């Protein structure tokens, strides 16, 4: 695996010193200053423990990139030191990179809850990897190598989410994973505040806590409140209902199924990940589906629209998702009609606002009614806002605090909350990917930085493209491409053919570049007359001349490919 785009260390931070005996080192390889790619490496006594191993879907500024992985290249020669990977829950930004890590060492034990491991097993089966899976549940303690682990129930937008307390030597760290504090969750599984408080009584040296909603004041409404609104929207819909949500949000799908049964609708699941995940949830008893409710999509298209509901992927506007293809009239089965009601039962991941807006506009253009979080209480976040983060800090009473899982604005808001709860600034670790935090004798300190970047997956290849390639792709997509062919007679010192300029993605006017030809011939022949015989030097002259002219005339900087042929 080759990492690309490694950021230079922050001012004043260099390579970390050797970890003192008895010290515990923590470094995030992804997931801090961004949403996604969550992966944290812990080191103690020369051994390593990984918490989460997630991916980030390709972004608009990474054309052609399918997913982005955390960068563990700094530990590439130490993969044999990893005692286990601990997974907090089954969302892709926490488990999606696991196949790529296990390709490099297949026997790493993977520890997680029942649903998390079931989702992991299905994913790894696609990669033809047979993992060493070790199931745990809340309230359990287990040991692996030098690490003592205790697991706590936390409420999130996927069942079976866990927080983990990690004790190594005399140091204890609590990693919350993603969590919130719904007091009336659909499955009755509350975030274990009493357990956190008991752990706090014993002493927590460092708290790593979810920062996603740190800017949001107050408390998150209950999932039960959402269920009432969703059921009302479904009951009042005049025609077909299409619900888009995360393929992992079992509780939301359960609410929607219950509302479908109450309104005498039959349901078809749309999207490969939705079908797979709900099948896993049914097998584990986490999703209750009455007989006869689920039907095939093709049969759903033959029923009266008032009796049909589709539950689909695509709530984040992913270009290849089922809902996006519906909005673009590219879905092979589903055609949007004017009596359709589209229910977007999810919140926006930061950065996806534009793509989701495009999907909403596409559906609205086709006449459908679109209901989303901005117009009705059809979704609540799975992440704790400021009020709930205060409860957490009061319960745990950590000696040191480290905000994780969020962009810089979320991290700073979380730090402000910790400060307001009496944790001094020097005990608040505002870090980013690659920042090394050492916990020694109960005191956390930022001691250095290791190089980390982005590992891009493009098709079947991992890490074979970098920032230079992505820059070229962006230029091609935004500015276009010009190839300039010039044939020169070196003996005569003349241009004997061309320049022939071929443009792609630059202008529809075939004569747009004609004015540069005479100037280009003149400059090339002058260079030849001055004794230049190096074709590379002439190509450089062609590139510079055309580039300056295009910038002056069009204020654009396309990719230029000069070709000089000697005859």
Protein backbone atom coordinates (compact mmCIF):
# COMPACT_ATOMS: atom_id res chain seq x y z
CA UNK A 1 0.00 0.00 0.00
CA UNK A 2 1.40 3.36 -1.03
CA UNK A 3 0.19 6.51 0.72
CA UNK A 4 -0.27 9.69 -1.27
CA UNK A 5 -0.60 13.34 -0.32
CA UNK A 6 1.25 13.14 2.96
CA UNK A 7 0.83 16.40 4.78
CA UNK A 8 3.88 18.00 6.37
CA UNK A 9 3.99 18.00 10.12
CA UNK A 10 2.43 20.86 12.02
CA UNK A 11 4.82 23.66 13.01
CA UNK A 12 7.02 22.56 15.88
CA UNK A 13 6.10 18.88 15.57
CA UNK A 14 8.69 16.38 14.45
CA UNK A 15 9.03 12.62 14.71
CA UNK A 16 7.99 11.45 18.18
CA UNK A 17 10.59 10.23 20.68
CA UNK A 18 10.79 6.67 21.91
CA UNK A 19 7.75 5.80 24.01
CA UNK A 20 8.71 5.68 27.72
CA UNK A 21 8.33 2.39 29.58
CA UNK A 22 4.75 2.01 30.79
CA UNK A 23 3.52 4.72 28.44
CA UNK A 24 0.57 4.36 26.06
CA UNK A 25 0.75 5.96 22.60
CA UNK A 26 -2.31 7.00 20.59
CA UNK A 27 -2.26 8.16 16.98
CA UNK A 28 -5.20 8.56 14.60
CA UNK A 29 -4.48 7.35 11.07
CA UNK A 30 -7.78 8.77 9.81
CA UNK A 31 -11.02 10.24 11.09
CA UNK A 32 -9.77 13.43 12.75
CA UNK A 33 -10.36 16.73 10.90
CA UNK A 34 -12.68 14.78 8.56
CA UNK A 35 -15.84 12.66 8.64
CA UNK A 36 -14.84 9.12 7.69
CA UNK A 37 -11.73 6.89 7.51
CA UNK A 38 -11.86 6.27 11.26
CA UNK A 39 -8.82 4.34 12.47
CA UNK A 40 -6.80 4.79 15.65
CA UNK A 41 -3.57 2.99 16.52
CA UNK A 42 -2.65 2.30 20.15
CA UNK A 43 0.87 1.23 21.16
CA UNK A 44 2.02 -0.24 24.46
CA UNK A 45 5.13 -2.26 25.23
CA UNK A 46 5.98 -2.67 21.57
CA UNK A 47 2.54 -4.10 20.73
CA UNK A 48 -0.24 -2.49 18.73
CA UNK A 49 -4.04 -2.37 18.96
CA UNK A 50 -6.31 -0.91 16.25
CA UNK A 51 -9.71 0.62 16.97
CA UNK A 52 -11.88 0.79 13.84
CA UNK A 53 -10.72 0.57 10.25
CA UNK A 54 -13.04 2.66 8.09
CA UNK A 55 -13.18 4.18 4.64
CA UNK A 56 -14.23 7.46 3.09
CA UNK A 57 -16.27 7.48 -0.12
CA UNK A 58 -14.63 9.25 -3.06
CA UNK A 59 -15.23 13.01 -2.97
CA UNK A 60 -15.91 15.51 -5.73
CA UNK A 61 -12.31 16.75 -5.65
CA UNK A 62 -11.01 13.22 -6.20
CA UNK A 63 -12.30 12.31 -9.67
CA UNK A 64 -12.27 8.60 -10.41
CA UNK A 65 -11.53 7.62 -6.81
CA UNK A 66 -13.96 5.02 -5.46
CA UNK A 67 -12.95 5.12 -1.80
CA UNK A 68 -10.19 6.58 0.37
CA UNK A 69 -8.48 4.54 3.07
CA UNK A 70 -6.59 5.46 6.25
CA UNK A 71 -2.83 5.48 5.87
CA UNK A 72 -1.14 2.76 7.94
CA UNK A 73 2.06 2.78 5.86
CA UNK A 74 4.06 4.11 8.85
CA UNK A 75 3.33 0.75 10.52
CA UNK A 76 3.74 -1.36 7.36
CA UNK A 77 6.73 -3.24 8.79
CA UNK A 78 4.98 -3.71 12.14
CA UNK A 79 1.72 -5.36 11.10
CA UNK A 80 2.91 -8.47 12.92
CA UNK A 81 2.80 -6.47 16.16
CA UNK A 82 -0.97 -5.88 15.90
CA UNK A 83 -2.77 -7.93 18.55
CA UNK A 84 -6.30 -7.20 17.30
CA UNK A 85 -8.64 -4.83 15.51
CA UNK A 86 -11.53 -3.67 17.72
CA UNK A 87 -14.62 -2.44 15.88
CA UNK A 88 -17.05 -0.11 17.65
CA UNK A 89 -19.92 -0.62 15.16
CA UNK A 90 -20.78 -1.65 11.61
CA UNK A 91 -20.88 1.60 9.64
CA UNK A 92 -18.67 1.73 6.56
CA UNK A 93 -16.61 4.63 7.90
CA UNK A 94 -15.56 2.27 10.70
CA UNK A 95 -15.27 -1.13 8.95
CA UNK A 96 -14.92 -0.37 5.22
CA UNK A 97 -11.10 -0.44 5.06
CA UNK A 98 -10.78 -3.72 6.95
CA UNK A 99 -10.49 -5.91 3.80
CA UNK A 100 -7.49 -3.89 2.64
CA UNK A 101 -5.73 -4.23 6.00
CA UNK A 102 -6.42 -7.96 6.15
CA UNK A 103 -5.02 -8.40 2.66
CA UNK A 104 -1.66 -7.47 4.16
CA UNK A 105 -2.05 -9.70 7.22
CA UNK A 106 -5.03 -12.05 7.17
CA UNK A 107 -4.77 -13.52 10.66
CA UNK A 108 -5.32 -10.33 12.66
CA UNK A 109 -8.11 -11.05 15.18
CA UNK A 110 -11.19 -8.87 14.63
CA UNK A 111 -13.26 -8.10 17.75
CA UNK A 112 -16.79 -6.69 17.60
CA UNK A 113 -20.47 -7.15 18.35
CA UNK A 114 -22.73 -9.69 16.69
CA UNK A 115 -24.18 -7.42 13.98
CA UNK A 116 -20.85 -5.70 13.34
CA UNK A 117 -19.10 -9.02 12.73
CA UNK A 118 -21.95 -10.29 10.55
CA UNK A 119 -21.60 -7.22 8.30
CA UNK A 120 -17.81 -7.66 8.30
CA UNK A 121 -18.10 -11.34 7.38
CA UNK A 122 -20.32 -10.53 4.40
CA UNK A 123 -17.89 -7.84 3.25
CA UNK A 124 -14.81 -10.03 3.64
CA UNK A 125 -16.52 -12.88 1.81
CA UNK A 126 -16.64 -10.64 -1.27
CA UNK A 127 -12.86 -10.24 -0.94
CA UNK A 128 -12.41 -14.00 -0.40
CA UNK A 129 -10.93 -13.45 3.06
CA UNK A 130 -11.70 -15.80 5.96
CA UNK A 131 -11.11 -13.69 9.08
CA UNK A 132 -10.53 -14.54 12.72
CA UNK A 133 -13.72 -13.04 14.18
CA UNK A 134 -14.22 -12.80 17.94
CA UNK A 135 -17.67 -11.75 19.13
CA UNK A 136 -18.23 -9.65 22.25
CA UNK A 137 -21.17 -7.85 23.77
CA UNK A 138 -21.75 -5.05 26.23
CA UNK A 139 -20.77 -5.79 29.80
CA UNK A 140 -18.08 -8.25 28.76
CA UNK A 141 -14.37 -8.04 29.42
CA UNK A 142 -11.71 -9.74 27.37
CA UNK A 143 -7.97 -9.71 27.03
CA UNK A 144 -5.77 -9.87 23.96
CA UNK A 145 -2.03 -9.68 24.42
CA UNK A 146 -1.20 -6.90 26.85
CA UNK A 147 -4.58 -5.24 26.30
CA UNK A 148 -7.54 -5.54 28.68
CA UNK A 149 -10.81 -4.55 27.01
CA UNK A 150 -14.21 -3.77 28.52
CA UNK A 151 -17.25 -3.08 26.34
CA UNK A 152 -20.20 -0.75 27.00
CA UNK A 153 -23.50 -0.41 25.20
CA UNK A 154 -23.95 2.87 23.32
CA UNK A 155 -26.95 4.04 21.36
CA UNK A 156 -26.33 4.94 17.70
CA UNK A 157 -28.07 4.78 14.32
CA UNK A 158 -27.13 1.11 13.95
CA UNK A 159 -27.77 -1.69 16.46
CA UNK A 160 -25.05 -3.31 18.55
CA UNK A 161 -22.75 -0.26 18.78
CA UNK A 162 -20.12 -0.44 21.53
CA UNK A 163 -17.75 1.81 23.42
CA UNK A 164 -14.51 0.22 24.56
CA UNK A 165 -12.35 0.86 27.61
CA UNK A 166 -8.74 -0.05 26.94
CA UNK A 167 -6.41 -0.73 29.85
CA UNK A 168 -2.70 -1.28 29.24
CA UNK A 169 -0.41 -1.35 32.23
CA UNK A 170 -1.65 1.34 34.59
CA UNK A 171 -3.32 3.48 31.87
CA UNK A 172 -7.03 3.40 30.99
CA UNK A 173 -8.54 4.99 27.89
CA UNK A 174 -12.25 5.11 27.01
CA UNK A 175 -13.11 5.26 23.28
CA UNK A 176 -16.82 6.00 22.83
CA UNK A 177 -17.08 5.19 19.15
CA UNK A 178 -20.11 6.92 17.63
CA UNK A 179 -22.87 7.40 20.18
CA UNK A 180 -25.86 9.38 21.39
CA UNK A 181 -28.16 9.19 24.44
CA UNK A 182 -31.66 8.37 23.22
CA UNK A 183 -33.64 7.78 26.44
CA UNK A 184 -36.37 5.79 24.66
CA UNK A 185 -34.52 3.83 21.93
CA UNK A 186 -36.53 1.45 19.79
CA UNK A 187 -34.58 -1.58 21.00
CA UNK A 188 -34.50 -0.46 24.64
CA UNK A 189 -30.70 -0.49 24.60
CA UNK A 190 -29.56 2.65 26.43
CA UNK A 191 -26.11 4.19 26.38
CA UNK A 192 -24.51 2.80 29.53
CA UNK A 193 -24.05 5.97 31.58
CA UNK A 194 -23.95 3.99 34.86
CA UNK A 195 -21.14 1.88 33.42
CA UNK A 196 -19.27 4.99 32.32
CA UNK A 197 -19.72 6.46 35.80
CA UNK A 198 -18.39 3.28 37.42
CA UNK A 199 -15.40 3.41 35.07
CA UNK A 200 -14.94 7.06 36.03
CA UNK A 201 -14.85 6.06 39.70
CA UNK A 202 -12.00 3.69 38.89
CA UNK A 203 -10.22 6.41 36.95
CA UNK A 204 -10.13 7.21 33.22
CA UNK A 205 -6.84 8.70 32.08
CA UNK A 206 -8.01 9.70 28.60
CA UNK A 207 -11.42 10.03 26.95
CA UNK A 208 -11.67 9.80 23.16
CA UNK A 209 -15.19 10.96 22.30
CA UNK A 210 -17.34 11.48 19.20
CA UNK A 211 -17.33 15.16 18.14
CA UNK A 212 -19.69 15.12 15.13
CA UNK A 213 -22.51 17.09 16.77
CA UNK A 214 -20.46 19.13 19.25
CA UNK A 215 -21.67 22.35 17.60
CA UNK A 216 -25.34 21.38 18.10
CA UNK A 217 -26.82 22.58 21.41
CA UNK A 218 -29.11 20.57 23.64
CA UNK A 219 -30.26 17.00 23.16
CA UNK A 220 -31.27 14.81 20.21
CA UNK A 221 -34.99 13.94 19.92
CA UNK A 222 -35.90 10.29 20.33
CA UNK A 223 -36.18 7.84 17.45
CA UNK A 224 -39.75 7.23 18.63
CA UNK A 225 -40.64 10.84 17.77
CA UNK A 226 -39.38 10.23 14.24
CA UNK A 227 -41.50 7.10 13.91
CA UNK A 228 -44.71 9.06 14.45
CA UNK A 229 -43.86 11.59 11.75
CA UNK A 230 -42.70 8.94 9.30
CA UNK A 231 -45.89 6.95 9.83
CA UNK A 232 -48.00 10.08 9.25
CA UNK A 233 -46.19 10.91 5.98
CA UNK A 234 -46.65 7.34 4.75
CA UNK A 235 -50.33 7.21 5.74
CA UNK A 236 -51.14 10.47 3.90
CA UNK A 237 -49.20 9.72 0.71
CA UNK A 238 -51.57 9.43 -2.26
CA UNK A 239 -49.39 7.07 -4.28
CA UNK A 240 -46.19 5.12 -4.04
CA UNK A 241 -43.74 5.81 -1.20
CA UNK A 242 -39.99 5.61 -1.75
CA UNK A 243 -37.95 5.79 1.46
CA UNK A 244 -34.21 6.42 1.18
CA UNK A 245 -32.03 5.77 4.20
CA UNK A 246 -28.70 4.26 5.18
CA UNK A 247 -28.55 0.55 4.38
CA UNK A 248 -27.34 -0.02 7.95
CA UNK A 249 -30.11 1.87 9.76
CA UNK A 250 -32.07 -1.17 10.91
CA UNK A 251 -34.22 0.80 13.35
CA UNK A 252 -35.34 3.25 10.69
CA UNK A 253 -36.20 0.40 8.32
CA UNK A 254 -38.18 -1.24 11.12
CA UNK A 255 -40.19 1.95 11.65
CA UNK A 256 -40.88 2.20 7.94
CA UNK A 257 -41.91 -1.47 7.71
CA UNK A 258 -44.29 -1.04 10.65
CA UNK A 259 -45.85 2.00 8.96
CA UNK A 260 -46.17 0.06 5.69
CA UNK A 261 -48.05 -2.74 7.44
CA UNK A 262 -50.36 -0.22 9.14
CA UNK A 263 -51.14 1.45 5.79
CA UNK A 264 -51.57 -1.90 3.99
CA UNK A 265 -48.57 -1.48 1.72
CA UNK A 266 -46.18 -4.10 0.46
CA UNK A 267 -42.48 -3.36 0.47
CA UNK A 268 -39.61 -3.97 -1.96
CA UNK A 269 -35.99 -3.38 -1.00
CA UNK A 270 -33.90 -1.56 -3.62
CA UNK A 271 -30.10 -1.53 -3.71
CA UNK A 272 -27.67 -4.40 -3.16
CA UNK A 273 -26.40 -3.20 0.23
CA UNK A 274 -29.96 -2.64 1.49
CA UNK A 275 -31.02 -6.16 0.52
CA UNK A 276 -27.87 -7.71 2.03
CA UNK A 277 -27.93 -5.79 5.32
CA UNK A 278 -31.62 -6.32 5.98
CA UNK A 279 -31.24 -10.04 5.31
CA UNK A 280 -28.45 -10.13 7.92
CA UNK A 281 -30.58 -8.14 10.39
CA UNK A 282 -33.50 -10.56 9.92
CA UNK A 283 -31.28 -13.58 10.46
CA UNK A 284 -30.00 -12.07 13.73
CA UNK A 285 -33.50 -11.23 14.92
CA UNK A 286 -32.86 -7.47 14.81
CA UNK A 287 -35.48 -6.82 12.12
CA UNK A 288 -39.04 -8.09 12.38
CA UNK A 289 -40.80 -8.54 9.04
CA UNK A 290 -44.36 -9.95 8.95
CA UNK A 291 -44.99 -12.67 6.38
CA UNK A 292 -46.06 -11.43 2.97
CA UNK A 293 -44.86 -7.85 3.41
CA UNK A 294 -41.63 -8.05 1.41
CA UNK A 295 -42.05 -8.57 -2.32
CA UNK A 296 -39.83 -8.54 -5.39
CA UNK A 297 -39.25 -5.17 -7.05
CA UNK A 298 -40.70 -6.33 -10.38
CA UNK A 299 -43.92 -7.41 -8.66
CA UNK A 300 -44.08 -4.05 -6.89
CA UNK A 301 -44.16 -2.28 -10.26
CA UNK A 302 -47.31 -4.23 -11.18
CA UNK A 303 -49.29 -3.33 -8.05
CA UNK A 304 -51.42 -0.17 -7.55
CA UNK A 305 -49.14 2.64 -6.41
CA UNK A 306 -51.20 3.22 -3.25
CA UNK A 307 -50.23 -0.25 -2.07
CA UNK A 308 -46.49 -0.03 -2.68
CA UNK A 309 -43.46 1.14 -0.74
CA UNK A 310 -39.81 0.97 -1.82
CA UNK A 311 -36.94 1.20 0.69
CA UNK A 312 -33.84 2.30 -1.17
CA UNK A 313 -30.21 3.27 -0.78
CA UNK A 314 -29.00 6.69 -1.93
CA UNK A 315 -29.85 9.09 0.88
CA UNK A 316 -26.43 10.79 0.43
CA UNK A 317 -26.79 11.40 -3.30
CA UNK A 318 -24.19 8.77 -4.25
CA UNK A 319 -23.95 8.88 -8.08
CA UNK A 320 -24.46 5.13 -8.60
CA UNK A 321 -27.06 4.61 -5.86
CA UNK A 322 -30.58 3.48 -6.64
CA UNK A 323 -32.19 6.82 -5.76
CA UNK A 324 -29.74 8.83 -7.87
CA UNK A 325 -30.45 6.59 -10.85
CA UNK A 326 -34.19 7.09 -10.29
CA UNK A 327 -33.73 10.88 -10.22
CA UNK A 328 -31.80 10.71 -13.51
CA UNK A 329 -34.28 8.29 -15.12
CA UNK A 330 -31.52 5.71 -15.39
CA UNK A 331 -32.95 3.02 -13.09
CA UNK A 332 -33.75 -0.09 -15.06
CA UNK A 333 -37.00 -0.80 -13.18
CA UNK A 334 -38.30 2.22 -11.23
CA UNK A 335 -39.75 5.25 -13.04
CA UNK A 336 -40.64 8.28 -10.93
CA UNK A 337 -44.18 9.61 -11.38
CA UNK A 338 -46.06 12.67 -10.16
CA UNK A 339 -47.94 10.84 -7.37
CA UNK A 340 -44.76 9.47 -5.78
CA UNK A 341 -43.66 10.63 -2.33
CA UNK A 342 -39.92 10.43 -1.65
CA UNK A 343 -38.92 10.30 2.02
CA UNK A 344 -35.24 11.03 2.75
CA UNK A 345 -34.93 9.51 6.20
CA UNK A 346 -31.33 10.43 6.95
CA UNK A 347 -29.12 13.36 7.85
CA UNK A 348 -26.46 14.79 5.56
CA UNK A 349 -22.86 13.75 5.91
CA UNK A 350 -20.82 16.99 5.68
CA UNK A 351 -19.67 17.47 2.10
CA UNK A 352 -22.65 15.71 0.53
CA UNK A 353 -24.99 18.71 0.50
CA UNK A 354 -24.55 19.46 -3.21
CA UNK A 355 -25.07 15.89 -4.43
CA UNK A 356 -28.15 15.41 -2.23
CA UNK A 357 -29.55 18.73 -3.47
CA UNK A 358 -29.11 17.55 -7.05
CA UNK A 359 -31.04 14.36 -6.32
CA UNK A 360 -33.86 16.30 -4.62
CA UNK A 361 -34.07 18.67 -7.60
CA UNK A 362 -34.07 15.76 -10.04
CA UNK A 363 -36.92 14.04 -8.22
CA UNK A 364 -38.87 17.30 -7.92
CA UNK A 365 -38.45 17.97 -11.64
CA UNK A 366 -40.16 14.64 -12.31
CA UNK A 367 -43.13 15.75 -10.21
CA UNK A 368 -42.50 13.77 -7.04
CA UNK A 369 -43.08 15.18 -3.55
CA UNK A 370 -39.83 15.08 -1.57
CA UNK A 371 -39.93 15.08 2.25
CA UNK A 372 -36.62 15.47 4.08
CA UNK A 373 -35.13 16.51 7.40
CA UNK A 374 -35.41 20.23 6.61
CA UNK A 375 -39.18 19.98 6.08
CA UNK A 376 -40.23 17.39 8.68
CA UNK A 377 -38.86 15.38 11.63
CA UNK A 378 -38.12 12.31 9.52
CA UNK A 379 -34.64 11.67 10.90
CA UNK A 380 -32.58 12.31 13.99
CA UNK A 381 -28.83 12.15 14.17
CA UNK A 382 -26.93 9.23 15.64
CA UNK A 383 -24.36 11.51 17.27
CA UNK A 384 -24.46 13.20 20.67
CA UNK A 385 -24.91 17.00 20.68
CA UNK A 386 -23.42 19.35 23.23
CA UNK A 387 -25.84 18.60 26.07
CA UNK A 388 -25.21 14.87 25.86
CA UNK A 389 -21.45 15.35 25.61
CA UNK A 390 -21.62 17.24 28.91
CA UNK A 391 -23.40 14.28 30.53
CA UNK A 392 -20.66 11.98 29.22
CA UNK A 393 -17.83 14.10 30.62
CA UNK A 394 -19.60 14.41 33.98
CA UNK A 395 -20.02 10.64 34.14
CA UNK A 396 -16.50 9.70 33.06
CA UNK A 397 -14.58 12.57 34.69
CA UNK A 398 -11.48 11.95 32.56
CA UNK A 399 -8.06 13.29 33.51
CA UNK A 400 -7.41 14.10 29.82
CA UNK A 401 -9.74 14.61 26.89
CA UNK A 402 -9.25 14.06 23.14
CA UNK A 403 -12.02 15.00 20.67
CA UNK A 404 -12.22 12.56 17.73
CA UNK A 405 -14.48 11.84 14.76
CA UNK A 406 -15.11 15.25 13.26
CA UNK A 407 -13.89 18.17 11.21
CA UNK A 408 -11.87 20.96 12.80
CA UNK A 409 -14.97 22.97 13.69
CA UNK A 410 -16.42 19.96 15.51
CA UNK A 411 -13.17 19.24 17.33
CA UNK A 412 -12.83 22.82 18.54
CA UNK A 413 -16.46 22.95 19.68
CA UNK A 414 -15.92 19.72 21.60
CA UNK A 415 -12.74 21.13 23.17
CA UNK A 416 -14.72 24.18 24.29
CA UNK A 417 -17.26 21.89 25.97
CA UNK A 418 -14.49 20.02 27.80
CA UNK A 419 -12.96 23.33 28.88
CA UNK A 420 -16.32 24.51 30.24
CA UNK A 421 -16.53 21.29 32.28
CA UNK A 422 -13.30 22.17 34.10
CA UNK A 423 -10.76 20.23 32.06
CA UNK A 424 -7.72 22.53 31.65
CA UNK A 425 -6.44 23.40 28.19
CA UNK A 426 -3.18 21.51 28.69
CA UNK A 427 -5.21 18.33 29.27
CA UNK A 428 -7.25 18.72 26.06
CA UNK A 429 -5.55 17.06 23.08
CA UNK A 430 -6.58 18.88 19.90
CA UNK A 431 -5.01 16.56 17.36
CA UNK A 432 -5.32 15.64 13.71
CA UNK A 433 -4.44 12.59 11.65
CA UNK A 434 -0.84 11.63 12.38
CA UNK A 435 -0.54 13.60 15.64
CA UNK A 436 1.08 11.45 18.32
CA UNK A 437 -0.39 11.62 21.84
CA UNK A 438 1.54 9.88 24.61
CA UNK A 439 -0.13 8.99 27.88
CA UNK A 440 2.50 8.63 30.61
CA UNK A 441 1.74 8.46 34.35
CA UNK A 442 -1.77 9.79 33.74
CA UNK A 443 -0.64 12.84 31.76
CA UNK A 444 -1.43 13.14 28.05
CA UNK A 445 0.97 15.13 25.86
CA UNK A 446 1.31 15.75 22.13
CA UNK A 447 4.86 14.51 21.46
CA UNK A 448 5.22 14.57 17.69
CA UNK A 449 3.74 13.69 14.34
CA UNK A 450 4.12 10.80 11.95
CA UNK A 451 3.56 11.18 8.19
CA UNK A 452 0.07 10.13 7.13
CA UNK A 453 -1.80 10.85 3.92
CA UNK A 454 -4.58 9.43 1.81
CA UNK A 455 -4.63 6.01 0.19
CA UNK A 456 -6.87 6.02 -2.88
CA UNK A 457 -8.71 3.02 -4.28
CA UNK A 458 -9.38 3.40 -8.00
CA UNK A 459 -11.11 0.36 -9.45
CA UNK A 460 -9.11 -2.69 -8.43
CA UNK A 461 -5.93 -0.77 -7.69
CA UNK A 462 -4.97 0.42 -4.21
CA UNK A 463 -2.53 3.28 -3.73
CA UNK A 464 -1.36 3.48 -7.35
CA UNK A 465 -2.59 7.04 -7.84
CA UNK A 466 -1.65 10.11 -5.86
CA UNK A 467 -2.20 13.82 -5.64
CA UNK A 468 -0.35 14.48 -8.90
CA UNK A 469 -2.70 12.15 -10.82
CA UNK A 470 -5.76 13.64 -9.13
CA UNK A 471 -4.54 17.13 -10.01
CA UNK A 472 -4.25 16.07 -13.66
CA UNK A 473 -7.77 14.62 -13.53
CA UNK A 474 -9.16 17.82 -12.05
CA UNK A 475 -7.46 19.91 -14.73
CA UNK A 476 -8.82 17.64 -17.46
CA UNK A 477 -12.31 17.88 -16.00
CA UNK A 478 -12.30 21.62 -15.36
CA UNK A 479 -10.00 23.18 -17.98
CA UNK A 480 -9.75 20.71 -20.87
CA UNK A 481 -6.86 19.31 -22.88
CA UNK A 482 -4.77 20.63 -25.77
CA UNK A 483 -2.29 18.64 -27.83
CA UNK A 484 0.03 20.60 -30.12
CA UNK A 485 1.84 18.80 -32.96
CA UNK A 486 4.75 20.55 -34.66
CA UNK A 487 7.08 19.00 -37.28
CA UNK A 488 10.44 20.74 -37.81
CA UNK A 489 13.30 20.35 -40.27
CA UNK A 490 16.41 20.83 -38.16
CA UNK A 491 18.71 21.33 -41.16
CA UNK A 492 16.52 24.02 -42.75
CA UNK A 493 15.48 25.47 -39.41
CA UNK A 494 11.86 25.54 -40.52
CA UNK A 495 8.46 24.38 -39.34
CA UNK A 496 7.35 22.00 -42.10
CA UNK A 497 4.02 20.92 -40.61
CA UNK A 498 1.64 22.47 -38.13
CA UNK A 499 1.18 23.55 -35.57
CA UNK A 500 -1.86 21.27 -35.43
CA UNK A 501 -3.75 21.88 -32.19
CA UNK A 502 -6.31 19.32 -31.04
CA UNK A 503 -8.63 20.40 -28.22
CA UNK A 504 -10.82 18.30 -25.93
CA UNK A 505 -13.12 19.89 -23.38
CA UNK A 506 -11.87 23.39 -24.24
CA UNK A 507 -14.17 25.02 -26.79
CA UNK A 508 -16.83 24.09 -29.33
CA UNK A 509 -15.37 26.67 -31.75
CA UNK A 510 -12.95 24.82 -34.07
CA UNK A 511 -11.20 28.12 -34.89
CA UNK A 512 -10.75 29.25 -31.28
CA UNK A 513 -7.02 28.48 -31.26
CA UNK A 514 -6.13 29.55 -34.81
CA UNK A 515 -4.76 32.99 -33.78
CA UNK A 516 -1.82 31.41 -31.92
CA UNK A 517 -0.52 29.47 -34.94
CA UNK A 518 1.43 32.27 -36.63
CA UNK A 519 3.04 33.41 -33.37
CA UNK A 520 3.99 29.84 -32.53
CA UNK A 521 5.64 29.22 -35.92
CA UNK A 522 7.57 32.46 -35.62
CA UNK A 523 8.93 31.64 -32.15
CA UNK A 524 9.89 28.06 -33.04
CA UNK A 525 11.73 29.12 -36.19
CA UNK A 526 13.51 31.88 -34.25
CA UNK A 527 14.67 29.30 -31.71
CA UNK A 528 15.92 27.07 -34.54
CA UNK A 529 17.73 30.00 -36.12
CA UNK A 530 19.41 30.69 -32.79
CA UNK A 531 20.85 27.19 -32.85
CA UNK A 532 18.38 25.22 -30.74
CA UNK A 533 18.37 21.56 -31.85
CA UNK A 534 16.97 19.87 -28.75
CA UNK A 535 13.40 18.69 -29.38
CA UNK A 536 12.65 18.79 -25.63
CA UNK A 537 13.65 22.45 -25.49
CA UNK A 538 11.41 23.20 -28.48
CA UNK A 539 8.53 21.31 -26.84
CA UNK A 540 9.03 23.40 -23.69
CA UNK A 541 8.88 26.56 -25.82
CA UNK A 542 5.66 25.36 -27.46
CA UNK A 543 4.09 24.57 -24.07
CA UNK A 544 5.09 27.95 -22.58
CA UNK A 545 3.91 29.94 -25.62
CA UNK A 546 0.53 28.25 -25.92
CA UNK A 547 -0.02 28.29 -22.15
CA UNK A 548 0.64 32.02 -21.85
CA UNK A 549 -1.56 32.82 -24.85
CA UNK A 550 -4.49 30.73 -23.58
CA UNK A 551 -4.17 32.25 -20.12
CA UNK A 552 -4.08 35.77 -21.58
CA UNK A 553 -6.97 35.28 -23.99
CA UNK A 554 -9.24 32.89 -22.04
CA UNK A 555 -8.05 33.02 -18.40
CA UNK A 556 -7.86 29.22 -18.47
CA UNK A 557 -5.11 26.69 -17.86
CA UNK A 558 -5.83 23.47 -19.76
CA UNK A 559 -3.51 20.49 -19.76
CA UNK A 560 -0.98 20.94 -22.59
CA UNK A 561 0.72 18.12 -24.45
CA UNK A 562 3.28 19.39 -27.01
CA UNK A 563 4.72 16.92 -29.51
CA UNK A 564 7.73 17.93 -31.63
CA UNK A 565 8.62 15.66 -34.56
CA UNK A 566 12.02 15.95 -36.25
CA UNK A 567 12.08 15.38 -40.05
